[in-house]
Amino acid sequence: MSGQINTDSLKKAEAAATLAKSMITQAIEQSSANQQLAEEALKQASQEIAQAQTLVSQVQSAIQAQQQQQQQQK
């Protein structure tokens, strides 16, 4: 399994980013009608973005660790 990217984590990050986009769109649509719903949508979007960033960072760290390990084996 060495040298492979964790696509499961990236798919989860993609889903979180898609959900965040949906929440931001909802906030835009609700901004004039219901500010409380808009604020809640933005809060949820922020949480989804943070989750996506964490997942992407974990994959990046794993890739860097694999690259370092490969360089040490040379």
Protein backbone atom coordinates (compact mmCIF):
# COMPACT_ATOMS: atom_id res chain seq x y z
CA MET A 1 0.00 0.00 0.00
CA SER A 2 3.06 2.21 0.08
CA GLY A 3 2.95 5.18 -2.25
CA GLN A 4 -0.83 5.36 -2.45
CA ILE A 5 -2.89 8.41 -1.56
CA ASN A 6 -5.69 7.91 0.93
CA THR A 7 -8.56 8.58 -1.47
CA ASP A 8 -11.14 7.81 1.22
CA SER A 9 -9.99 10.83 3.21
CA LEU A 10 -9.95 12.98 0.10
CA LYS A 11 -13.49 11.90 -0.78
CA LYS A 12 -14.60 12.84 2.72
CA ALA A 13 -12.89 16.22 2.32
CA GLU A 14 -14.62 16.70 -1.01
CA ALA A 15 -18.00 15.90 0.57
CA ALA A 16 -17.34 18.35 3.40
CA ALA A 17 -16.37 21.07 0.92
CA THR A 18 -19.49 20.40 -1.15
CA LEU A 19 -21.64 20.62 1.97
CA ALA A 20 -19.90 23.86 2.95
CA LYS A 21 -20.65 25.32 -0.48
CA SER A 22 -24.29 24.38 -0.04
CA MET A 23 -24.40 26.01 3.39
CA ILE A 24 -22.84 29.20 2.05
CA THR A 25 -25.38 29.30 -0.78
CA GLN A 26 -28.14 28.82 1.78
CA ALA A 27 -26.73 31.68 3.88
CA ILE A 28 -26.74 33.96 0.85
CA GLU A 29 -30.34 33.05 0.06
CA GLN A 30 -31.45 33.50 3.70
CA SER A 31 -29.45 36.64 4.41
CA SER A 32 -32.26 39.09 3.78
CA ALA A 33 -35.18 36.93 4.95
CA ASN A 34 -33.83 35.24 8.08
CA GLN A 35 -30.50 36.35 9.47
CA GLN A 36 -30.54 33.69 12.22
CA LEU A 37 -30.77 30.87 9.65
CA ALA A 38 -28.06 32.53 7.57
CA GLU A 39 -25.75 32.72 10.58
CA GLU A 40 -26.38 29.06 11.41
CA ALA A 41 -25.66 28.05 7.82
CA LEU A 42 -22.37 29.97 7.91
CA LYS A 43 -21.44 28.33 11.21
CA GLN A 44 -22.06 24.90 9.71
CA ALA A 45 -20.12 25.85 6.58
CA SER A 46 -17.18 26.92 8.73
CA GLN A 47 -17.19 23.57 10.52
CA GLU A 48 -17.29 21.66 7.24
CA ILE A 49 -14.42 23.72 5.84
CA ALA A 50 -12.36 23.01 8.96
CA GLN A 51 -13.07 19.29 8.62
CA ALA A 52 -12.08 19.32 4.95
CA GLN A 53 -8.86 21.17 5.75
CA THR A 54 -7.99 18.66 8.47
CA LEU A 55 -8.54 15.72 6.13
CA VAL A 56 -6.47 17.29 3.35
CA SER A 57 -3.68 18.12 5.81
CA GLN A 58 -3.63 14.53 7.04
CA VAL A 59 -3.26 13.24 3.48
CA GLN A 60 -0.51 15.78 2.76
CA SER A 61 1.36 14.73 5.90
CA ALA A 62 1.10 11.07 4.93
CA ILE A 63 2.45 11.84 1.45
CA GLN A 64 5.36 13.81 2.90
CA ALA A 65 6.16 10.97 5.30
CA GLN A 66 6.14 8.48 2.43
CA GLN A 67 8.44 10.71 0.39
CA GLN A 68 10.87 11.06 3.29
CA GLN A 69 10.84 7.32 3.84
CA GLN A 70 11.54 6.69 0.16
CA GLN A 71 14.43 9.15 0.19
CA GLN A 72 15.95 7.47 3.24
CA GLN A 73 15.80 4.10 1.49
CA LYS A 74 17.89 5.38 -1.44
